[in-house]
Amino acid sequence: DMEDTFLPAFEAGVESAHAVGLMCSYSAPSFGGGLKGSNAADGSTTPSCANRELLTGLARRKWGFDGYVVSDCGGVAAVEARHHYTSGRRETVMAVL
């Protein structure tokens, strides 16, 4: 669903409209992966702000995005506090950079 429904609009924004900025969300899509590897068949997910496959692999490498990525207010904190993806500030910072 992510690849068919949501990503085409972002791809067009980057490739055709030459977007200079993207914002990661509070969600943790089943698409992609991050510091802890790809999303697993067991249903584990990666918060979008820590999703390296989405932000670096897809947006930067495949689509050629060279702008900046910002988080929604509290999006980085949610990586640890809401999603329990990381343990502590240091690991959270490493996951989102």
PDB file of N, CA and C in Angstrom:
ATOM      1  N   ASP A   1       0.814  -1.184   0.000  1.00  0.00           N
ATOM      2  CA  ASP A   1       0.000   0.000   0.000  1.00  0.00           C
ATOM      3  C   ASP A   1       0.868   1.262   0.000  1.00  0.00           C
ATOM      4  N   MET A   2       1.940   1.251   0.759  1.00  0.00           N
ATOM      5  CA  MET A   2       2.827   2.409   0.820  1.00  0.00           C
ATOM      6  C   MET A   2       3.383   2.725  -0.565  1.00  0.00           C
ATOM      7  N   GLU A   3       3.848   1.680  -1.256  1.00  0.00           N
ATOM      8  CA  GLU A   3       4.465   1.893  -2.563  1.00  0.00           C
ATOM      9  C   GLU A   3       3.468   2.322  -3.627  1.00  0.00           C
ATOM     10  N   ASP A   4       2.249   1.852  -3.531  1.00  0.00           N
ATOM     11  CA  ASP A   4       1.243   2.180  -4.538  1.00  0.00           C
ATOM     12  C   ASP A   4       0.459   3.445  -4.229  1.00  0.00           C
ATOM     13  N   THR A   5       0.248   3.731  -2.954  1.00  0.00           N
ATOM     14  CA  THR A   5      -0.636   4.829  -2.570  1.00  0.00           C
ATOM     15  C   THR A   5       0.108   6.093  -2.164  1.00  0.00           C
ATOM     16  N   PHE A   6       1.078   5.985  -1.275  1.00  0.00           N
ATOM     17  CA  PHE A   6       1.702   7.169  -0.698  1.00  0.00           C
ATOM     18  C   PHE A   6       2.982   7.624  -1.402  1.00  0.00           C
ATOM     19  N   LEU A   7       3.841   6.699  -1.768  1.00  0.00           N
ATOM     20  CA  LEU A   7       5.147   7.080  -2.304  1.00  0.00           C
ATOM     21  C   LEU A   7       5.113   7.786  -3.656  1.00  0.00           C
ATOM     22  N   PRO A   8       4.189   7.472  -4.572  1.00  0.00           N
ATOM     23  CA  PRO A   8       4.208   8.171  -5.865  1.00  0.00           C
ATOM     24  C   PRO A   8       4.115   9.696  -5.755  1.00  0.00           C
ATOM     25  N   ALA A   9       3.324  10.207  -4.840  1.00  0.00           N
ATOM     26  CA  ALA A   9       3.210  11.661  -4.673  1.00  0.00           C
ATOM     27  C   ALA A   9       4.524  12.258  -4.170  1.00  0.00           C
ATOM     28  N   PHE A  10       5.186  11.580  -3.242  1.00  0.00           N
ATOM     29  CA  PHE A  10       6.468  12.074  -2.740  1.00  0.00           C
ATOM     30  C   PHE A  10       7.545  11.982  -3.817  1.00  0.00           C
ATOM     31  N   GLU A  11       7.527  10.905  -4.577  1.00  0.00           N
ATOM     32  CA  GLU A  11       8.489  10.753  -5.667  1.00  0.00           C
ATOM     33  C   GLU A  11       8.332  11.890  -6.680  1.00  0.00           C
ATOM     34  N   ALA A  12       7.099  12.211  -7.048  1.00  0.00           N
ATOM     35  CA  ALA A  12       6.848  13.309  -7.984  1.00  0.00           C
ATOM     36  C   ALA A  12       7.295  14.641  -7.386  1.00  0.00           C
ATOM     37  N   GLY A  13       7.055  14.822  -6.101  1.00  0.00           N
ATOM     38  CA  GLY A  13       7.485  16.056  -5.446  1.00  0.00           C
ATOM     39  C   GLY A  13       8.986  16.234  -5.474  1.00  0.00           C
ATOM     40  N   VAL A  14       9.716  15.153  -5.341  1.00  0.00           N
ATOM     41  CA  VAL A  14      11.182  15.207  -5.351  1.00  0.00           C
ATOM     42  C   VAL A  14      11.709  15.300  -6.781  1.00  0.00           C
ATOM     43  N   GLU A  15      11.287  14.389  -7.637  1.00  0.00           N
ATOM     44  CA  GLU A  15      11.860  14.311  -8.981  1.00  0.00           C
ATOM     45  C   GLU A  15      11.350  15.390  -9.936  1.00  0.00           C
ATOM     46  N   SER A  16      10.060  15.668  -9.902  1.00  0.00           N
ATOM     47  CA  SER A  16       9.489  16.628 -10.853  1.00  0.00           C
ATOM     48  C   SER A  16       9.439  18.057 -10.317  1.00  0.00           C
ATOM     49  N   ALA A  17       9.076  18.204  -9.048  1.00  0.00           N
ATOM     50  CA  ALA A  17       8.930  19.541  -8.478  1.00  0.00           C
ATOM     51  C   ALA A  17      10.190  20.012  -7.754  1.00  0.00           C
ATOM     52  N   HIS A  18      11.171  19.125  -7.629  1.00  0.00           N
ATOM     53  CA  HIS A  18      12.464  19.459  -7.013  1.00  0.00           C
ATOM     54  C   HIS A  18      12.308  19.992  -5.593  1.00  0.00           C
ATOM     55  N   ALA A  19      11.567  19.272  -4.771  1.00  0.00           N
ATOM     56  CA  ALA A  19      11.368  19.642  -3.369  1.00  0.00           C
ATOM     57  C   ALA A  19      12.713  19.817  -2.681  1.00  0.00           C
ATOM     58  N   VAL A  20      12.798  20.812  -1.814  1.00  0.00           N
ATOM     59  CA  VAL A  20      14.045  21.052  -1.093  1.00  0.00           C
ATOM     60  C   VAL A  20      13.973  20.553   0.347  1.00  0.00           C
ATOM     61  N   GLY A  21      12.793  20.156   0.802  1.00  0.00           N
ATOM     62  CA  GLY A  21      12.646  19.668   2.164  1.00  0.00           C
ATOM     63  C   GLY A  21      11.595  18.587   2.267  1.00  0.00           C
ATOM     64  N   LEU A  22      11.812  17.666   3.185  1.00  0.00           N
ATOM     65  CA  LEU A  22      10.854  16.616   3.509  1.00  0.00           C
ATOM     66  C   LEU A  22      10.670  16.596   5.017  1.00  0.00           C
ATOM     67  N   MET A  23       9.522  16.127   5.467  1.00  0.00           N
ATOM     68  CA  MET A  23       9.266  15.996   6.901  1.00  0.00           C
ATOM     69  C   MET A  23       8.904  14.555   7.217  1.00  0.00           C
ATOM     70  N   CYS A  24       9.619  13.973   8.169  1.00  0.00           N
ATOM     71  CA  CYS A  24       9.249  12.637   8.621  1.00  0.00           C
ATOM     72  C   CYS A  24       8.086  12.769   9.600  1.00  0.00           C
ATOM     73  N   SER A  25       7.323  11.723   9.724  1.00  0.00           N
ATOM     74  CA  SER A  25       6.099  11.780  10.529  1.00  0.00           C
ATOM     75  C   SER A  25       6.237  11.005  11.834  1.00  0.00           C
ATOM     76  N   TYR A  26       5.147  10.977  12.589  1.00  0.00           N
ATOM     77  CA  TYR A  26       5.107  10.226  13.834  1.00  0.00           C
ATOM     78  C   TYR A  26       4.932   8.728  13.606  1.00  0.00           C
ATOM     79  N   SER A  27       4.532   8.357  12.428  1.00  0.00           N
ATOM     80  CA  SER A  27       4.174   6.959  12.165  1.00  0.00           C
ATOM     81  C   SER A  27       5.401   6.052  12.079  1.00  0.00           C
ATOM     82  N   ALA A  28       5.131   4.765  12.077  1.00  0.00           N
ATOM     83  CA  ALA A  28       6.167   3.752  11.911  1.00  0.00           C
ATOM     84  C   ALA A  28       5.668   2.801  10.821  1.00  0.00           C
ATOM     85  N   PRO A  29       5.927   3.146   9.561  1.00  0.00           N
ATOM     86  CA  PRO A  29       5.416   2.318   8.472  1.00  0.00           C
ATOM     87  C   PRO A  29       6.076   0.946   8.411  1.00  0.00           C
ATOM     88  N   SER A  30       5.383   0.012   7.830  1.00  0.00           N
ATOM     89  CA  SER A  30       5.935  -1.334   7.668  1.00  0.00           C
ATOM     90  C   SER A  30       6.945  -1.372   6.527  1.00  0.00           C
ATOM     91  N   PHE A  31       7.068  -0.299   5.784  1.00  0.00           N
ATOM     92  CA  PHE A  31       7.999  -0.171   4.670  1.00  0.00           C
ATOM     93  C   PHE A  31       9.354   0.296   5.190  1.00  0.00           C
ATOM     94  N   GLY A  32      10.427  -0.327   4.748  1.00  0.00           N
ATOM     95  CA  GLY A  32      11.764   0.162   5.048  1.00  0.00           C
ATOM     96  C   GLY A  32      12.437  -0.490   6.232  1.00  0.00           C
ATOM     97  N   GLY A  33      13.339   0.270   6.847  1.00  0.00           N
ATOM     98  CA  GLY A  33      14.108  -0.209   7.975  1.00  0.00           C
ATOM     99  C   GLY A  33      15.110   0.837   8.404  1.00  0.00           C
ATOM    100  N   GLY A  34      15.803   0.575   9.493  1.00  0.00           N
ATOM    101  CA  GLY A  34      16.731   1.570  10.007  1.00  0.00           C
ATOM    102  C   GLY A  34      17.915   0.973  10.712  1.00  0.00           C
ATOM    103  N   LEU A  35      18.301   1.596  11.812  1.00  0.00           N
ATOM    104  CA  LEU A  35      19.463   1.216  12.599  1.00  0.00           C
ATOM    105  C   LEU A  35      19.430  -0.258  12.989  1.00  0.00           C
ATOM    106  N   LYS A  36      18.254  -0.779  13.211  1.00  0.00           N
ATOM    107  CA  LYS A  36      18.104  -2.167  13.647  1.00  0.00           C
ATOM    108  C   LYS A  36      17.801  -3.116  12.494  1.00  0.00           C
ATOM    109  N   GLY A  37      17.999  -2.669  11.266  1.00  0.00           N
ATOM    110  CA  GLY A  37      17.790  -3.510  10.099  1.00  0.00           C
ATOM    111  C   GLY A  37      16.439  -3.300   9.453  1.00  0.00           C
ATOM    112  N   SER A  38      16.162  -4.119   8.469  1.00  0.00           N
ATOM    113  CA  SER A  38      14.905  -4.023   7.739  1.00  0.00           C
ATOM    114  C   SER A  38      13.750  -4.484   8.598  1.00  0.00           C
ATOM    115  N   ASN A  39      12.568  -3.960   8.281  1.00  0.00           N
ATOM    116  CA  ASN A  39      11.379  -4.381   9.011  1.00  0.00           C
ATOM    117  C   ASN A  39      11.198  -5.875   8.839  1.00  0.00           C
ATOM    118  N   ALA A  40      10.899  -6.516   9.926  1.00  0.00           N
ATOM    119  CA  ALA A  40      10.858  -7.974   9.959  1.00  0.00           C
ATOM    120  C   ALA A  40       9.496  -8.534   9.592  1.00  0.00           C
ATOM    121  N   ALA A  41       9.504  -9.773   9.207  1.00  0.00           N
ATOM    122  CA  ALA A  41       8.267 -10.480   8.884  1.00  0.00           C
ATOM    123  C   ALA A  41       7.378 -10.632  10.113  1.00  0.00           C
ATOM    124  N   ASP A  42       7.965 -10.443  11.305  1.00  0.00           N
ATOM    125  CA  ASP A  42       7.176 -10.574  12.540  1.00  0.00           C
ATOM    126  C   ASP A  42       6.323  -9.343  12.826  1.00  0.00           C
ATOM    127  N   GLY A  43       6.350  -8.359  11.913  1.00  0.00           N
ATOM    128  CA  GLY A  43       5.510  -7.186  12.082  1.00  0.00           C
ATOM    129  C   GLY A  43       6.206  -5.992  12.710  1.00  0.00           C
ATOM    130  N   SER A  44       7.499  -6.104  13.027  1.00  0.00           N
ATOM    131  CA  SER A  44       8.199  -4.961  13.595  1.00  0.00           C
ATOM    132  C   SER A  44       8.301  -3.851  12.546  1.00  0.00           C
ATOM    133  N   THR A  45       8.304  -2.625  13.020  1.00  0.00           N
ATOM    134  CA  THR A  45       8.340  -1.476  12.121  1.00  0.00           C
ATOM    135  C   THR A  45       9.424  -0.503  12.561  1.00  0.00           C
ATOM    136  N   THR A  46       9.750   0.439  11.694  1.00  0.00           N
ATOM    137  CA  THR A  46      10.739   1.464  11.983  1.00  0.00           C
ATOM    138  C   THR A  46      10.053   2.824  11.938  1.00  0.00           C
ATOM    139  N   PRO A  47      10.172   3.633  12.989  1.00  0.00           N
ATOM    140  CA  PRO A  47       9.588   4.969  12.958  1.00  0.00           C
ATOM    141  C   PRO A  47      10.108   5.741  11.744  1.00  0.00           C
ATOM    142  N   SER A  48       9.253   6.518  11.112  1.00  0.00           N
ATOM    143  CA  SER A  48       9.661   7.177   9.868  1.00  0.00           C
ATOM    144  C   SER A  48      10.876   8.082  10.043  1.00  0.00           C
ATOM    145  N   CYS A  49      11.017   8.729  11.195  1.00  0.00           N
ATOM    146  CA  CYS A  49      12.172   9.610  11.412  1.00  0.00           C
ATOM    147  C   CYS A  49      13.484   8.835  11.552  1.00  0.00           C
ATOM    148  N   ALA A  50      13.412   7.537  11.786  1.00  0.00           N
ATOM    149  CA  ALA A  50      14.597   6.687  11.904  1.00  0.00           C
ATOM    150  C   ALA A  50      14.695   5.704  10.742  1.00  0.00           C
ATOM    151  N   ASN A  51      13.871   5.886   9.736  1.00  0.00           N
ATOM    152  CA  ASN A  51      13.776   4.932   8.630  1.00  0.00           C
ATOM    153  C   ASN A  51      14.794   5.258   7.541  1.00  0.00           C
ATOM    154  N   ARG A  52      15.981   4.683   7.667  1.00  0.00           N
ATOM    155  CA  ARG A  52      17.063   4.955   6.713  1.00  0.00           C
ATOM    156  C   ARG A  52      16.744   4.457   5.305  1.00  0.00           C
ATOM    157  N   GLU A  53      16.071   3.343   5.216  1.00  0.00           N
ATOM    158  CA  GLU A  53      15.734   2.828   3.884  1.00  0.00           C
ATOM    159  C   GLU A  53      14.799   3.784   3.156  1.00  0.00           C
ATOM    160  N   LEU A  54      13.903   4.412   3.883  1.00  0.00           N
ATOM    161  CA  LEU A  54      12.954   5.349   3.297  1.00  0.00           C
ATOM    162  C   LEU A  54      13.610   6.700   3.007  1.00  0.00           C
ATOM    163  N   LEU A  55      14.281   7.275   4.008  1.00  0.00           N
ATOM    164  CA  LEU A  55      14.827   8.627   3.859  1.00  0.00           C
ATOM    165  C   LEU A  55      16.138   8.681   3.084  1.00  0.00           C
ATOM    166  N   THR A  56      16.996   7.701   3.267  1.00  0.00           N
ATOM    167  CA  THR A  56      18.284   7.720   2.570  1.00  0.00           C
ATOM    168  C   THR A  56      18.260   6.850   1.320  1.00  0.00           C
ATOM    169  N   GLY A  57      17.865   5.599   1.475  1.00  0.00           N
ATOM    170  CA  GLY A  57      17.869   4.686   0.336  1.00  0.00           C
ATOM    171  C   GLY A  57      16.928   5.098  -0.773  1.00  0.00           C
ATOM    172  N   LEU A  58      15.698   5.396  -0.428  1.00  0.00           N
ATOM    173  CA  LEU A  58      14.700   5.731  -1.439  1.00  0.00           C
ATOM    174  C   LEU A  58      14.773   7.197  -1.844  1.00  0.00           C
ATOM    175  N   ALA A  59      14.575   8.100  -0.889  1.00  0.00           N
ATOM    176  CA  ALA A  59      14.513   9.530  -1.226  1.00  0.00           C
ATOM    177  C   ALA A  59      15.842  10.056  -1.771  1.00  0.00           C
ATOM    178  N   ARG A  60      16.924   9.784  -1.091  1.00  0.00           N
ATOM    179  CA  ARG A  60      18.207  10.362  -1.516  1.00  0.00           C
ATOM    180  C   ARG A  60      18.865   9.593  -2.669  1.00  0.00           C
ATOM    181  N   ARG A  61      18.995   8.292  -2.512  1.00  0.00           N
ATOM    182  CA  ARG A  61      19.727   7.533  -3.531  1.00  0.00           C
ATOM    183  C   ARG A  61      18.904   7.271  -4.786  1.00  0.00           C
ATOM    184  N   LYS A  62      17.679   6.800  -4.630  1.00  0.00           N
ATOM    185  CA  LYS A  62      16.876   6.446  -5.798  1.00  0.00           C
ATOM    186  C   LYS A  62      16.268   7.667  -6.484  1.00  0.00           C
ATOM    187  N   TRP A  63      15.685   8.578  -5.704  1.00  0.00           N
ATOM    188  CA  TRP A  63      15.009   9.732  -6.296  1.00  0.00           C
ATOM    189  C   TRP A  63      15.929  10.936  -6.488  1.00  0.00           C
ATOM    190  N   GLY A  64      17.108  10.927  -5.874  1.00  0.00           N
ATOM    191  CA  GLY A  64      18.060  12.024  -6.025  1.00  0.00           C
ATOM    192  C   GLY A  64      17.793  13.227  -5.129  1.00  0.00           C
ATOM    193  N   PHE A  65      17.059  13.038  -4.049  1.00  0.00           N
ATOM    194  CA  PHE A  65      16.765  14.141  -3.131  1.00  0.00           C
ATOM    195  C   PHE A  65      18.045  14.603  -2.459  1.00  0.00           C
ATOM    196  N   ASP A  66      18.299  15.926  -2.485  1.00  0.00           N
ATOM    197  CA  ASP A  66      19.509  16.441  -1.844  1.00  0.00           C
ATOM    198  C   ASP A  66      19.196  17.596  -0.890  1.00  0.00           C
ATOM    199  N   GLY A  67      17.973  17.663  -0.435  1.00  0.00           N
ATOM    200  CA  GLY A  67      17.567  18.720   0.483  1.00  0.00           C
ATOM    201  C   GLY A  67      17.667  18.290   1.935  1.00  0.00           C
ATOM    202  N   TYR A  68      16.892  18.943   2.774  1.00  0.00           N
ATOM    203  CA  TYR A  68      16.925  18.678   4.202  1.00  0.00           C
ATOM    204  C   TYR A  68      15.692  17.887   4.642  1.00  0.00           C
ATOM    205  N   VAL A  69      15.835  17.176   5.738  1.00  0.00           N
ATOM    206  CA  VAL A  69      14.731  16.430   6.342  1.00  0.00           C
ATOM    207  C   VAL A  69      14.541  16.981   7.747  1.00  0.00           C
ATOM    208  N   VAL A  70      13.315  17.344   8.068  1.00  0.00           N
ATOM    209  CA  VAL A  70      12.990  17.807   9.416  1.00  0.00           C
ATOM    210  C   VAL A  70      11.998  16.829  10.019  1.00  0.00           C
ATOM    211  N   SER A  71      11.924  16.862  11.344  1.00  0.00           N
ATOM    212  CA  SER A  71      10.927  16.024  12.008  1.00  0.00           C
ATOM    213  C   SER A  71       9.738  16.890  12.377  1.00  0.00           C
ATOM    214  N   ASP A  72       8.594  16.254  12.502  1.00  0.00           N
ATOM    215  CA  ASP A  72       7.429  16.928  13.035  1.00  0.00           C
ATOM    216  C   ASP A  72       7.737  17.210  14.506  1.00  0.00           C
ATOM    217  N   CYS A  73       7.055  18.160  15.095  1.00  0.00           N
ATOM    218  CA  CYS A  73       7.283  18.510  16.497  1.00  0.00           C
ATOM    219  C   CYS A  73       7.122  17.263  17.377  1.00  0.00           C
ATOM    220  N   GLY A  74       8.186  16.845  18.009  1.00  0.00           N
ATOM    221  CA  GLY A  74       8.140  15.664  18.860  1.00  0.00           C
ATOM    222  C   GLY A  74       8.389  14.363  18.126  1.00  0.00           C
ATOM    223  N   GLY A  75       8.598  14.425  16.817  1.00  0.00           N
ATOM    224  CA  GLY A  75       8.796  13.202  16.041  1.00  0.00           C
ATOM    225  C   GLY A  75      10.031  12.421  16.432  1.00  0.00           C
ATOM    226  N   VAL A  76      11.116  13.116  16.728  1.00  0.00           N
ATOM    227  CA  VAL A  76      12.347  12.443  17.133  1.00  0.00           C
ATOM    228  C   VAL A  76      12.178  11.838  18.524  1.00  0.00           C
ATOM    229  N   ALA A  77      11.584  12.579  19.432  1.00  0.00           N
ATOM    230  CA  ALA A  77      11.348  12.057  20.781  1.00  0.00           C
ATOM    231  C   ALA A  77      10.454  10.821  20.745  1.00  0.00           C
ATOM    232  N   ALA A  78       9.521  10.779  19.807  1.00  0.00           N
ATOM    233  CA  ALA A  78       8.601   9.643  19.693  1.00  0.00           C
ATOM    234  C   ALA A  78       9.309   8.356  19.293  1.00  0.00           C
ATOM    235  N   VAL A  79      10.472   8.474  18.647  1.00  0.00           N
ATOM    236  CA  VAL A  79      11.232   7.284  18.261  1.00  0.00           C
ATOM    237  C   VAL A  79      11.521   6.433  19.488  1.00  0.00           C
ATOM    238  N   GLU A  80      11.871   7.091  20.594  1.00  0.00           N
ATOM    239  CA  GLU A  80      12.131   6.367  21.844  1.00  0.00           C
ATOM    240  C   GLU A  80      10.872   6.245  22.706  1.00  0.00           C
ATOM    241  N   ALA A  81      10.213   7.370  22.961  1.00  0.00           N
ATOM    242  CA  ALA A  81       9.125   7.403  23.947  1.00  0.00           C
ATOM    243  C   ALA A  81       7.853   6.690  23.493  1.00  0.00           C
ATOM    244  N   ARG A  82       7.502   6.818  22.246  1.00  0.00           N
ATOM    245  CA  ARG A  82       6.247   6.232  21.753  1.00  0.00           C
ATOM    246  C   ARG A  82       6.451   4.870  21.108  1.00  0.00           C
ATOM    247  N   HIS A  83       7.481   4.800  20.266  1.00  0.00           N
ATOM    248  CA  HIS A  83       7.703   3.556  19.510  1.00  0.00           C
ATOM    249  C   HIS A  83       8.623   2.572  20.226  1.00  0.00           C
ATOM    250  N   HIS A  84       9.360   3.050  21.211  1.00  0.00           N
ATOM    251  CA  HIS A  84      10.312   2.208  21.955  1.00  0.00           C
ATOM    252  C   HIS A  84      11.306   1.541  21.007  1.00  0.00           C
ATOM    253  N   TYR A  85      11.664   2.279  19.963  1.00  0.00           N
ATOM    254  CA  TYR A  85      12.604   1.777  18.967  1.00  0.00           C
ATOM    255  C   TYR A  85      14.038   1.888  19.477  1.00  0.00           C
ATOM    256  N   THR A  86      14.295   2.906  20.295  1.00  0.00           N
ATOM    257  CA  THR A  86      15.633   3.139  20.837  1.00  0.00           C
ATOM    258  C   THR A  86      15.571   3.218  22.358  1.00  0.00           C
ATOM    259  N   SER A  87      16.759   3.181  22.969  1.00  0.00           N
ATOM    260  CA  SER A  87      16.869   3.298  24.431  1.00  0.00           C
ATOM    261  C   SER A  87      17.850   4.416  24.745  1.00  0.00           C
ATOM    262  N   GLY A  88      17.341   5.561  25.091  1.00  0.00           N
ATOM    263  CA  GLY A  88      18.191   6.685  25.458  1.00  0.00           C
ATOM    264  C   GLY A  88      18.405   7.667  24.325  1.00  0.00           C
ATOM    265  N   ARG A  89      18.804   8.863  24.716  1.00  0.00           N
ATOM    266  CA  ARG A  89      18.987   9.951  23.749  1.00  0.00           C
ATOM    267  C   ARG A  89      20.080   9.662  22.731  1.00  0.00           C
ATOM    268  N   ARG A  90      21.179   9.112  23.190  1.00  0.00           N
ATOM    269  CA  ARG A  90      22.310   8.843  22.276  1.00  0.00           C
ATOM    270  C   ARG A  90      21.898   7.901  21.158  1.00  0.00           C
ATOM    271  N   GLU A  91      21.245   6.804  21.508  1.00  0.00           N
ATOM    272  CA  GLU A  91      20.808   5.850  20.496  1.00  0.00           C
ATOM    273  C   GLU A  91      19.757   6.466  19.590  1.00  0.00           C
ATOM    274  N   THR A  92      18.888   7.296  20.139  1.00  0.00           N
ATOM    275  CA  THR A  92      17.859   7.952  19.335  1.00  0.00           C
ATOM    276  C   THR A  92      18.499   8.885  18.310  1.00  0.00           C
ATOM    277  N   VAL A  93      19.456   9.673  18.761  1.00  0.00           N
ATOM    278  CA  VAL A  93      20.154  10.581  17.840  1.00  0.00           C
ATOM    279  C   VAL A  93      20.858   9.791  16.744  1.00  0.00           C
ATOM    280  N   MET A  94      21.513   8.713  17.096  1.00  0.00           N
ATOM    281  CA  MET A  94      22.186   7.874  16.099  1.00  0.00           C
ATOM    282  C   MET A  94      21.182   7.288  15.098  1.00  0.00           C
ATOM    283  N   ALA A  95      19.998   6.951  15.570  1.00  0.00           N
ATOM    284  CA  ALA A  95      18.992   6.344  14.698  1.00  0.00           C
ATOM    285  C   ALA A  95      18.403   7.332  13.707  1.00  0.00           C
ATOM    286  N   VAL A  96      18.288   8.597  14.097  1.00  0.00           N
ATOM    287  CA  VAL A  96      17.617   9.561  13.219  1.00  0.00           C
ATOM    288  C   VAL A  96      18.559  10.355  12.335  1.00  0.00           C
ATOM    289  N   LEU A  97      19.856  10.286  12.587  1.00  0.00           N
ATOM    290  CA  LEU A  97      20.801  11.025  11.730  1.00  0.00           C
ATOM    291  C   LEU A  97      21.270  10.212  10.551  1.00  0.00           C
TER     292      LEU A  97
END
